[in-house]
PDB file of N, CA and C in Angstrom:
ATOM      1  N   MET A   1      -2.774 -10.355  41.530  1.00  0.00           N
ATOM      2  CA  MET A   1      -1.848 -10.386  40.419  1.00  0.00           C
ATOM      3  C   MET A   1      -2.451  -9.797  39.147  1.00  0.00           C
ATOM      4  N   PHE A   2      -3.780  -9.697  39.107  1.00  0.00           N
ATOM      5  CA  PHE A   2      -4.409  -9.148  37.909  1.00  0.00           C
ATOM      6  C   PHE A   2      -4.041  -7.677  37.711  1.00  0.00           C
ATOM      7  N   VAL A   3      -3.664  -6.980  38.795  1.00  0.00           N
ATOM      8  CA  VAL A   3      -3.268  -5.578  38.683  1.00  0.00           C
ATOM      9  C   VAL A   3      -1.960  -5.478  37.893  1.00  0.00           C
ATOM     10  N   ILE A   4      -1.007  -6.350  38.193  1.00  0.00           N
ATOM     11  CA  ILE A   4       0.264  -6.357  37.466  1.00  0.00           C
ATOM     12  C   ILE A   4       0.021  -6.727  36.006  1.00  0.00           C
ATOM     13  N   ASN A   5      -0.860  -7.698  35.792  1.00  0.00           N
ATOM     14  CA  ASN A   5      -1.221  -8.109  34.433  1.00  0.00           C
ATOM     15  C   ASN A   5      -1.766  -6.921  33.639  1.00  0.00           C
ATOM     16  N   ASN A   6      -2.738  -6.246  34.207  1.00  0.00           N
ATOM     17  CA  ASN A   6      -3.348  -5.096  33.517  1.00  0.00           C
ATOM     18  C   ASN A   6      -2.342  -3.965  33.307  1.00  0.00           C
ATOM     19  N   PHE A   7      -1.499  -3.727  34.299  1.00  0.00           N
ATOM     20  CA  PHE A   7      -0.505  -2.663  34.176  1.00  0.00           C
ATOM     21  C   PHE A   7       0.472  -2.954  33.043  1.00  0.00           C
ATOM     22  N   LEU A   8       1.000  -4.177  32.991  1.00  0.00           N
ATOM     23  CA  LEU A   8       1.961  -4.521  31.938  1.00  0.00           C
ATOM     24  C   LEU A   8       1.315  -4.516  30.561  1.00  0.00           C
ATOM     25  N   MET A   9       0.054  -4.941  30.480  1.00  0.00           N
ATOM     26  CA  MET A   9      -0.645  -4.891  29.190  1.00  0.00           C
ATOM     27  C   MET A   9      -0.827  -3.434  28.748  1.00  0.00           C
ATOM     28  N   ALA A  10      -1.160  -2.558  29.675  1.00  0.00           N
ATOM     29  CA  ALA A  10      -1.320  -1.137  29.340  1.00  0.00           C
ATOM     30  C   ALA A  10       0.009  -0.524  28.917  1.00  0.00           C
ATOM     31  N   VAL A  11       1.084  -0.867  29.596  1.00  0.00           N
ATOM     32  CA  VAL A  11       2.411  -0.366  29.227  1.00  0.00           C
ATOM     33  C   VAL A  11       2.786  -0.849  27.825  1.00  0.00           C
ATOM     34  N   ALA A  12       2.526  -2.114  27.533  1.00  0.00           N
ATOM     35  CA  ALA A  12       2.846  -2.661  26.210  1.00  0.00           C
ATOM     36  C   ALA A  12       2.052  -1.946  25.120  1.00  0.00           C
ATOM     37  N   GLN A  13       0.770  -1.711  25.362  1.00  0.00           N
ATOM     38  CA  GLN A  13      -0.046  -1.021  24.364  1.00  0.00           C
ATOM     39  C   GLN A  13       0.393   0.434  24.198  1.00  0.00           C
ATOM     40  N   LEU A  14       0.765   1.078  25.288  1.00  0.00           N
ATOM     41  CA  LEU A  14       1.246   2.469  25.216  1.00  0.00           C
ATOM     42  C   LEU A  14       2.555   2.554  24.438  1.00  0.00           C
ATOM     43  N   ILE A  15       3.474   1.641  24.696  1.00  0.00           N
ATOM     44  CA  ILE A  15       4.741   1.615  23.963  1.00  0.00           C
ATOM     45  C   ILE A  15       4.490   1.387  22.480  1.00  0.00           C
ATOM     46  N   ASP A  16       3.593   0.464  22.164  1.00  0.00           N
ATOM     47  CA  ASP A  16       3.260   0.190  20.768  1.00  0.00           C
ATOM     48  C   ASP A  16       2.680   1.428  20.093  1.00  0.00           C
ATOM     49  N   PHE A  17       1.791   2.116  20.776  1.00  0.00           N
ATOM     50  CA  PHE A  17       1.182   3.331  20.233  1.00  0.00           C
ATOM     51  C   PHE A  17       2.222   4.433  20.010  1.00  0.00           C
ATOM     52  N   LEU A  18       3.083   4.660  21.002  1.00  0.00           N
ATOM     53  CA  LEU A  18       4.100   5.704  20.889  1.00  0.00           C
ATOM     54  C   LEU A  18       5.108   5.396  19.777  1.00  0.00           C
ATOM     55  N   LEU A  19       5.479   4.130  19.640  1.00  0.00           N
ATOM     56  CA  LEU A  19       6.390   3.752  18.566  1.00  0.00           C
ATOM     57  C   LEU A  19       5.744   3.961  17.199  1.00  0.00           C
ATOM     58  N   THR A  20       4.459   3.674  17.087  1.00  0.00           N
ATOM     59  CA  THR A  20       3.753   3.892  15.822  1.00  0.00           C
ATOM     60  C   THR A  20       3.696   5.381  15.486  1.00  0.00           C
ATOM     61  N   ILE A  21       3.382   6.209  16.463  1.00  0.00           N
ATOM     62  CA  ILE A  21       3.338   7.657  16.247  1.00  0.00           C
ATOM     63  C   ILE A  21       4.716   8.166  15.821  1.00  0.00           C
ATOM     64  N   TYR A  22       5.767   7.707  16.485  1.00  0.00           N
ATOM     65  CA  TYR A  22       7.111   8.157  16.149  1.00  0.00           C
ATOM     66  C   TYR A  22       7.506   7.711  14.742  1.00  0.00           C
ATOM     67  N   MET A  23       7.087   6.512  14.356  1.00  0.00           N
ATOM     68  CA  MET A  23       7.377   6.040  13.009  1.00  0.00           C
ATOM     69  C   MET A  23       6.717   6.939  11.971  1.00  0.00           C
ATOM     70  N   TRP A  24       5.485   7.366  12.228  1.00  0.00           N
ATOM     71  CA  TRP A  24       4.812   8.268  11.297  1.00  0.00           C
ATOM     72  C   TRP A  24       5.467   9.647  11.270  1.00  0.00           C
ATOM     73  N   MET A  25       6.036  10.074  12.404  1.00  0.00           N
ATOM     74  CA  MET A  25       6.775  11.339  12.411  1.00  0.00           C
ATOM     75  C   MET A  25       8.014  11.242  11.525  1.00  0.00           C
ATOM     76  N   ILE A  26       8.694  10.116  11.556  1.00  0.00           N
ATOM     77  CA  ILE A  26       9.874   9.919  10.715  1.00  0.00           C
ATOM     78  C   ILE A  26       9.471   9.911   9.243  1.00  0.00           C
ATOM     79  N   ILE A  27       8.375   9.243   8.929  1.00  0.00           N
ATOM     80  CA  ILE A  27       7.886   9.232   7.551  1.00  0.00           C
ATOM     81  C   ILE A  27       7.512  10.642   7.115  1.00  0.00           C
ATOM     82  N   GLY A  28       6.852  11.394   7.985  1.00  0.00           N
ATOM     83  CA  GLY A  28       6.494  12.775   7.677  1.00  0.00           C
ATOM     84  C   GLY A  28       7.714  13.635   7.435  1.00  0.00           C
ATOM     85  N   ARG A  29       8.741  13.424   8.230  1.00  0.00           N
ATOM     86  CA  ARG A  29       9.969  14.192   8.028  1.00  0.00           C
ATOM     87  C   ARG A  29      10.608  13.850   6.691  1.00  0.00           C
ATOM     88  N   ALA A  30      10.604  12.576   6.316  1.00  0.00           N
ATOM     89  CA  ALA A  30      11.184  12.184   5.029  1.00  0.00           C
ATOM     90  C   ALA A  30      10.416  12.832   3.872  1.00  0.00           C
ATOM     91  N   VAL A  31       9.095  12.839   3.969  1.00  0.00           N
ATOM     92  CA  VAL A  31       8.278  13.451   2.913  1.00  0.00           C
ATOM     93  C   VAL A  31       8.540  14.948   2.838  1.00  0.00           C
ATOM     94  N   ILE A  32       8.656  15.591   3.991  1.00  0.00           N
ATOM     95  CA  ILE A  32       8.927  17.026   4.026  1.00  0.00           C
ATOM     96  C   ILE A  32      10.282  17.333   3.393  1.00  0.00           C
ATOM     97  N   SER A  33      11.251  16.459   3.602  1.00  0.00           N
ATOM     98  CA  SER A  33      12.569  16.715   3.005  1.00  0.00           C
ATOM     99  C   SER A  33      12.528  16.593   1.484  1.00  0.00           C
ATOM    100  N   TRP A  34      11.597  15.839   0.946  1.00  0.00           N
ATOM    101  CA  TRP A  34      11.477  15.694  -0.509  1.00  0.00           C
ATOM    102  C   TRP A  34      10.850  16.929  -1.147  1.00  0.00           C
ATOM    103  N   VAL A  35       9.917  17.592  -0.439  1.00  0.00           N
ATOM    104  CA  VAL A  35       9.188  18.705  -1.040  1.00  0.00           C
ATOM    105  C   VAL A  35       9.788  20.066  -0.697  1.00  0.00           C
ATOM    106  N   ASN A  36      10.850  20.075   0.104  1.00  0.00           N
ATOM    107  CA  ASN A  36      11.530  21.321   0.451  1.00  0.00           C
ATOM    108  C   ASN A  36      10.567  22.320   1.108  1.00  0.00           C
ATOM    109  N   ALA A  37       9.999  21.900   2.235  1.00  0.00           N
ATOM    110  CA  ALA A  37       9.033  22.732   2.959  1.00  0.00           C
ATOM    111  C   ALA A  37       9.723  23.907   3.652  1.00  0.00           C
ATOM    112  N   ASP A  38       8.932  24.867   4.065  1.00  0.00           N
ATOM    113  CA  ASP A  38       9.430  26.061   4.750  1.00  0.00           C
ATOM    114  C   ASP A  38      10.054  25.657   6.086  1.00  0.00           C
ATOM    115  N   PRO A  39      11.346  25.905   6.290  1.00  0.00           N
ATOM    116  CA  PRO A  39      11.989  25.491   7.541  1.00  0.00           C
ATOM    117  C   PRO A  39      11.536  26.279   8.764  1.00  0.00           C
ATOM    118  N   TYR A  40      10.811  27.377   8.568  1.00  0.00           N
ATOM    119  CA  TYR A  40      10.326  28.176   9.697  1.00  0.00           C
ATOM    120  C   TYR A  40       8.916  27.789  10.120  1.00  0.00           C
ATOM    121  N   ASN A  41       8.313  26.863   9.397  1.00  0.00           N
ATOM    122  CA  ASN A  41       6.994  26.366   9.763  1.00  0.00           C
ATOM    123  C   ASN A  41       7.117  25.602  11.087  1.00  0.00           C
ATOM    124  N   PRO A  42       6.228  25.857  12.052  1.00  0.00           N
ATOM    125  CA  PRO A  42       6.340  25.179  13.356  1.00  0.00           C
ATOM    126  C   PRO A  42       6.239  23.657  13.264  1.00  0.00           C
ATOM    127  N   VAL A  43       5.422  23.149  12.358  1.00  0.00           N
ATOM    128  CA  VAL A  43       5.293  21.697  12.222  1.00  0.00           C
ATOM    129  C   VAL A  43       6.587  21.098  11.689  1.00  0.00           C
ATOM    130  N   VAL A  44       7.165  21.748  10.707  1.00  0.00           N
ATOM    131  CA  VAL A  44       8.431  21.272  10.133  1.00  0.00           C
ATOM    132  C   VAL A  44       9.528  21.319  11.183  1.00  0.00           C
ATOM    133  N   ARG A  45       9.601  22.402  11.928  1.00  0.00           N
ATOM    134  CA  ARG A  45      10.619  22.519  12.971  1.00  0.00           C
ATOM    135  C   ARG A  45      10.429  21.453  14.046  1.00  0.00           C
ATOM    136  N   PHE A  46       9.177  21.196  14.436  1.00  0.00           N
ATOM    137  CA  PHE A  46       8.908  20.167  15.441  1.00  0.00           C
ATOM    138  C   PHE A  46       9.364  18.796  14.946  1.00  0.00           C
ATOM    139  N   LEU A  47       9.020  18.453  13.695  1.00  0.00           N
ATOM    140  CA  LEU A  47       9.407  17.148  13.159  1.00  0.00           C
ATOM    141  C   LEU A  47      10.922  16.997  13.097  1.00  0.00           C
ATOM    142  N   TYR A  48      11.613  18.066  12.697  1.00  0.00           N
ATOM    143  CA  TYR A  48      13.071  17.998  12.644  1.00  0.00           C
ATOM    144  C   TYR A  48      13.671  17.864  14.038  1.00  0.00           C
ATOM    145  N   GLU A  49      13.156  18.614  15.004  1.00  0.00           N
ATOM    146  CA  GLU A  49      13.707  18.571  16.359  1.00  0.00           C
ATOM    147  C   GLU A  49      13.461  17.231  17.039  1.00  0.00           C
ATOM    148  N   ILE A  50      12.332  16.605  16.763  1.00  0.00           N
ATOM    149  CA  ILE A  50      11.996  15.353  17.435  1.00  0.00           C
ATOM    150  C   ILE A  50      12.671  14.148  16.777  1.00  0.00           C
ATOM    151  N   THR A  51      13.011  14.247  15.498  1.00  0.00           N
ATOM    152  CA  THR A  51      13.582  13.099  14.803  1.00  0.00           C
ATOM    153  C   THR A  51      15.083  13.210  14.552  1.00  0.00           C
ATOM    154  N   GLU A  52      15.642  14.389  14.631  1.00  0.00           N
ATOM    155  CA  GLU A  52      17.059  14.552  14.289  1.00  0.00           C
ATOM    156  C   GLU A  52      18.024  13.843  15.236  1.00  0.00           C
ATOM    157  N   PRO A  53      17.828  13.855  16.555  1.00  0.00           N
ATOM    158  CA  PRO A  53      18.827  13.200  17.426  1.00  0.00           C
ATOM    159  C   PRO A  53      19.078  11.721  17.094  1.00  0.00           C
ATOM    160  N   PRO A  54      18.055  10.866  16.974  1.00  0.00           N
ATOM    161  CA  PRO A  54      18.375   9.466  16.633  1.00  0.00           C
ATOM    162  C   PRO A  54      18.882   9.310  15.199  1.00  0.00           C
ATOM    163  N   LEU A  55      18.384  10.134  14.277  1.00  0.00           N
ATOM    164  CA  LEU A  55      18.844  10.036  12.896  1.00  0.00           C
ATOM    165  C   LEU A  55      20.317  10.447  12.787  1.00  0.00           C
ATOM    166  N   ALA A  56      20.724  11.450  13.538  1.00  0.00           N
ATOM    167  CA  ALA A  56      22.125  11.877  13.513  1.00  0.00           C
ATOM    168  C   ALA A  56      23.043  10.776  14.048  1.00  0.00           C
ATOM    169  N   LYS A  57      22.594  10.064  15.082  1.00  0.00           N
ATOM    170  CA  LYS A  57      23.398   8.962  15.622  1.00  0.00           C
ATOM    171  C   LYS A  57      23.552   7.848  14.592  1.00  0.00           C
ATOM    172  N   ILE A  58      22.493   7.563  13.862  1.00  0.00           N
ATOM    173  CA  ILE A  58      22.559   6.517  12.829  1.00  0.00           C
ATOM    174  C   ILE A  58      23.475   6.962  11.695  1.00  0.00           C
ATOM    175  N   ARG A  59      23.403   8.222  11.319  1.00  0.00           N
ATOM    176  CA  ARG A  59      24.237   8.734  10.218  1.00  0.00           C
ATOM    177  C   ARG A  59      25.728   8.640  10.523  1.00  0.00           C
ATOM    178  N   ARG A  60      26.097   8.686  11.792  1.00  0.00           N
ATOM    179  CA  ARG A  60      27.508   8.565  12.150  1.00  0.00           C
ATOM    180  C   ARG A  60      28.076   7.205  11.773  1.00  0.00           C
ATOM    181  N   PHE A  61      27.226   6.176  11.731  1.00  0.00           N
ATOM    182  CA  PHE A  61      27.685   4.829  11.434  1.00  0.00           C
ATOM    183  C   PHE A  61      27.510   4.438   9.975  1.00  0.00           C
ATOM    184  N   LEU A  62      26.800   5.252   9.203  1.00  0.00           N
ATOM    185  CA  LEU A  62      26.575   4.936   7.794  1.00  0.00           C
ATOM    186  C   LEU A  62      27.706   5.497   6.936  1.00  0.00           C
ATOM    187  N   PRO A  63      28.075   4.774   5.882  1.00  0.00           N
ATOM    188  CA  PRO A  63      29.066   5.346   4.971  1.00  0.00           C
ATOM    189  C   PRO A  63      28.461   6.513   4.193  1.00  0.00           C
ATOM    190  N   LEU A  64      29.281   7.483   3.874  1.00  0.00           N
ATOM    191  CA  LEU A  64      28.796   8.679   3.198  1.00  0.00           C
ATOM    192  C   LEU A  64      28.657   8.497   1.691  1.00  0.00           C
ATOM    193  N   SER A  65      29.272   7.475   1.129  1.00  0.00           N
ATOM    194  CA  SER A  65      29.242   7.287  -0.323  1.00  0.00           C
ATOM    195  C   SER A  65      28.083   6.383  -0.743  1.00  0.00           C
ATOM    196  N   MET A  66      26.878   6.771  -0.419  1.00  0.00           N
ATOM    197  CA  MET A  66      25.713   5.966  -0.762  1.00  0.00           C
ATOM    198  C   MET A  66      24.869   6.648  -1.824  1.00  0.00           C
ATOM    199  N   GLY A  67      25.477   7.415  -2.697  1.00  0.00           N
ATOM    200  CA  GLY A  67      24.750   8.047  -3.786  1.00  0.00           C
ATOM    201  C   GLY A  67      23.922   9.239  -3.368  1.00  0.00           C
ATOM    202  N   GLY A  68      24.213   9.829  -2.233  1.00  0.00           N
ATOM    203  CA  GLY A  68      23.470  10.998  -1.791  1.00  0.00           C
ATOM    204  C   GLY A  68      22.107  10.686  -1.202  1.00  0.00           C
ATOM    205  N   ILE A  69      21.800   9.420  -0.976  1.00  0.00           N
ATOM    206  CA  ILE A  69      20.505   9.032  -0.401  1.00  0.00           C
ATOM    207  C   ILE A  69      20.693   8.785   1.090  1.00  0.00           C
ATOM    208  N   ASP A  70      19.832   9.376   1.885  1.00  0.00           N
ATOM    209  CA  ASP A  70      19.893   9.218   3.334  1.00  0.00           C
ATOM    210  C   ASP A  70      19.048   8.006   3.736  1.00  0.00           C
ATOM    211  N   PHE A  71      19.722   6.940   4.144  1.00  0.00           N
ATOM    212  CA  PHE A  71      19.033   5.720   4.548  1.00  0.00           C
ATOM    213  C   PHE A  71      18.739   5.680   6.048  1.00  0.00           C
ATOM    214  N   SER A  72      19.124   6.706   6.785  1.00  0.00           N
ATOM    215  CA  SER A  72      18.921   6.679   8.233  1.00  0.00           C
ATOM    216  C   SER A  72      17.444   6.594   8.642  1.00  0.00           C
ATOM    217  N   PRO A  73      16.494   7.264   7.954  1.00  0.00           N
ATOM    218  CA  PRO A  73      15.096   7.072   8.353  1.00  0.00           C
ATOM    219  C   PRO A  73      14.625   5.630   8.179  1.00  0.00           C
ATOM    220  N   MET A  74      15.074   4.975   7.110  1.00  0.00           N
ATOM    221  CA  MET A  74      14.664   3.597   6.889  1.00  0.00           C
ATOM    222  C   MET A  74      15.234   2.676   7.974  1.00  0.00           C
ATOM    223  N   ILE A  75      16.472   2.921   8.367  1.00  0.00           N
ATOM    224  CA  ILE A  75      17.090   2.109   9.409  1.00  0.00           C
ATOM    225  C   ILE A  75      16.385   2.342  10.745  1.00  0.00           C
ATOM    226  N   LEU A  76      16.035   3.580  11.039  1.00  0.00           N
ATOM    227  CA  LEU A  76      15.327   3.875  12.282  1.00  0.00           C
ATOM    228  C   LEU A  76      13.932   3.248  12.282  1.00  0.00           C
ATOM    229  N   ILE A  77      13.259   3.270  11.154  1.00  0.00           N
ATOM    230  CA  ILE A  77      11.935   2.640  11.056  1.00  0.00           C
ATOM    231  C   ILE A  77      12.060   1.132  11.250  1.00  0.00           C
ATOM    232  N   MET A  78      13.098   0.525  10.691  1.00  0.00           N
ATOM    233  CA  MET A  78      13.293  -0.918  10.911  1.00  0.00           C
ATOM    234  C   MET A  78      13.564  -1.220  12.381  1.00  0.00           C
ATOM    235  N   GLY A  79      14.292  -0.327  13.057  1.00  0.00           N
ATOM    236  CA  GLY A  79      14.516  -0.504  14.494  1.00  0.00           C
ATOM    237  C   GLY A  79      13.223  -0.405  15.287  1.00  0.00           C
ATOM    238  N   ILE A  80      12.366   0.521  14.901  1.00  0.00           N
ATOM    239  CA  ILE A  80      11.067   0.663  15.561  1.00  0.00           C
ATOM    240  C   ILE A  80      10.218  -0.587  15.312  1.00  0.00           C
ATOM    241  N   MET A  81      10.236  -1.082  14.085  1.00  0.00           N
ATOM    242  CA  MET A  81       9.467  -2.285  13.775  1.00  0.00           C
ATOM    243  C   MET A  81       9.987  -3.483  14.567  1.00  0.00           C
ATOM    244  N   PHE A  82      11.303  -3.551  14.768  1.00  0.00           N
ATOM    245  CA  PHE A  82      11.872  -4.616  15.591  1.00  0.00           C
ATOM    246  C   PHE A  82      11.354  -4.518  17.019  1.00  0.00           C
ATOM    247  N   LEU A  83      11.375  -3.315  17.573  1.00  0.00           N
ATOM    248  CA  LEU A  83      10.871  -3.144  18.935  1.00  0.00           C
ATOM    249  C   LEU A  83       9.392  -3.496  19.043  1.00  0.00           C
ATOM    250  N   GLN A  84       8.624  -3.146  18.003  1.00  0.00           N
ATOM    251  CA  GLN A  84       7.198  -3.466  18.033  1.00  0.00           C
ATOM    252  C   GLN A  84       6.954  -4.966  17.935  1.00  0.00           C
ATOM    253  N   SER A  85       7.817  -5.688  17.249  1.00  0.00           N
ATOM    254  CA  SER A  85       7.583  -7.118  17.126  1.00  0.00           C
ATOM    255  C   SER A  85       8.333  -7.932  18.174  1.00  0.00           C
ATOM    256  N   PHE A  86       9.220  -7.324  18.946  1.00  0.00           N
ATOM    257  CA  PHE A  86       9.919  -8.050  19.997  1.00  0.00           C
ATOM    258  C   PHE A  86       9.511  -7.575  21.391  1.00  0.00           C
ATOM    259  N   LEU A  87       9.652  -6.288  21.655  1.00  0.00           N
ATOM    260  CA  LEU A  87       9.425  -5.756  22.999  1.00  0.00           C
ATOM    261  C   LEU A  87       7.959  -5.824  23.412  1.00  0.00           C
ATOM    262  N   VAL A  88       7.075  -5.389  22.526  1.00  0.00           N
ATOM    263  CA  VAL A  88       5.648  -5.341  22.870  1.00  0.00           C
ATOM    264  C   VAL A  88       5.090  -6.749  23.129  1.00  0.00           C
ATOM    265  N   PRO A  89       5.306  -7.738  22.236  1.00  0.00           N
ATOM    266  CA  PRO A  89       4.798  -9.080  22.549  1.00  0.00           C
ATOM    267  C   PRO A  89       5.444  -9.688  23.791  1.00  0.00           C
ATOM    268  N   THR A  90       6.722  -9.375  24.030  1.00  0.00           N
ATOM    269  CA  THR A  90       7.377  -9.893  25.229  1.00  0.00           C
ATOM    270  C   THR A  90       6.717  -9.347  26.484  1.00  0.00           C
ATOM    271  N   LEU A  91       6.426  -8.049  26.492  1.00  0.00           N
ATOM    272  CA  LEU A  91       5.725  -7.473  27.648  1.00  0.00           C
ATOM    273  C   LEU A  91       4.341  -8.089  27.825  1.00  0.00           C
ATOM    274  N   LYS A  92       3.650  -8.325  26.717  1.00  0.00           N
ATOM    275  CA  LYS A  92       2.329  -8.944  26.813  1.00  0.00           C
ATOM    276  C   LYS A  92       2.405 -10.373  27.332  1.00  0.00           C
ATOM    277  N   GLN A  93       3.425 -11.123  26.924  1.00  0.00           N
ATOM    278  CA  GLN A  93       3.583 -12.491  27.431  1.00  0.00           C
ATOM    279  C   GLN A  93       3.941 -12.494  28.904  1.00  0.00           C
ATOM    280  N   ILE A  94       4.767 -11.544  29.327  1.00  0.00           N
ATOM    281  CA  ILE A  94       5.090 -11.429  30.757  1.00  0.00           C
ATOM    282  C   ILE A  94       3.812 -11.087  31.532  1.00  0.00           C
ATOM    283  N   ALA A  95       2.989 -10.208  30.980  1.00  0.00           N
ATOM    284  CA  ALA A  95       1.739  -9.849  31.647  1.00  0.00           C
ATOM    285  C   ALA A  95       0.820 -11.056  31.768  1.00  0.00           C
ATOM    286  N   MET A  96       0.763 -11.864  30.726  1.00  0.00           N
ATOM    287  CA  MET A  96      -0.112 -13.048  30.757  1.00  0.00           C
ATOM    288  C   MET A  96       0.380 -14.072  31.782  1.00  0.00           C
ATOM    289  N   SER A  97       1.687 -14.097  32.050  1.00  0.00           N
ATOM    290  CA  SER A  97       2.200 -15.035  33.043  1.00  0.00           C
ATOM    291  C   SER A  97       1.780 -14.647  34.464  1.00  0.00           C
ATOM    292  N   PHE A  98       1.462 -13.354  34.656  1.00  0.00           N
ATOM    293  CA  PHE A  98       0.970 -12.918  35.970  1.00  0.00           C
ATOM    294  C   PHE A  98      -0.523 -13.122  36.112  1.00  0.00           C
ATOM    295  N   GLY A  99      -1.213 -13.359  35.001  1.00  0.00           N
ATOM    296  CA  GLY A  99      -2.674 -13.443  35.021  1.00  0.00           C
ATOM    297  C   GLY A  99      -3.215 -14.739  35.347  1.00  0.00           C
TER     298      GLY A  99
END
């Protein structure tokens, strides 16, 4: 059973790491939008391509009359933080039950 324990712990840590990296990508995209970076830069294009699909889905549910401020990155970051504080510890507790 220790194999299942180790596997689930590794999956939980990997999910936590990937969520943290994605959160920093969202923050980077927000900063880039403030400084009006070159849209043809490969890094800028990568950040936009990787973050736009979930942000566009969130924007569909937000009201448009919010003073011109895009709150979708903040909402997505809060969703990531929720997953990090719910999903990751839950996987770790399930792993400990096999150990």
